[in-house]
Amino acid sequence: MNDLSIEQIRPEVTWRLRQKILYPQQHFLEMKLAEDANGIHFGGFRDDRLVCVVSLFGNEDDYQFRKFAVEPIYQHKGIGSKMLEYVTNFVKDEGGKRLWCNARLSAVPFYLKHGFSNTGNLFTNKDGIEYEILEKAL
């Protein structure tokens, strides 16, 4: 999928996809994170349409990405892979040494395919969604 354009976007631009893909049962305005103002947010565009979002939060040389969402009709077409590669390269360029995420268990194989490692740290959030913390040394 070579026609994906990735740009930094304002946090509120991520909210609609966050809600639609990750938390459809929640209200749109619940998508705002307290830390959004401290993050770097990326949008993937295809034909001028927002099809993928992710938010990145750094702490010295340690970076976490959160709220990674791809429109369903674009899943399994390389969009997520391109975004993850972009974010990984961005973190490397910023001097990051570790990139990590709280991965839904259903997404763990995707991240492992992209060089992330299991930590064995599993948890369930308040909505009953199961996660594992995955990491990648850079």
Foldseek 3Di string as FASTA:
>chain_A
DPQKDKDWDQLLVLQVQLCVFPNVVDDSVVSDDPCSVQWTKMFIDHPNDTFWIKIWHDDVQEIEIDSTGGHVVCPPVCPSVVVVVVVVVVSVVVVHFKYKYWAFPVCVVVVVVVAKDFPPDWDADPVRTITTMIMHTD
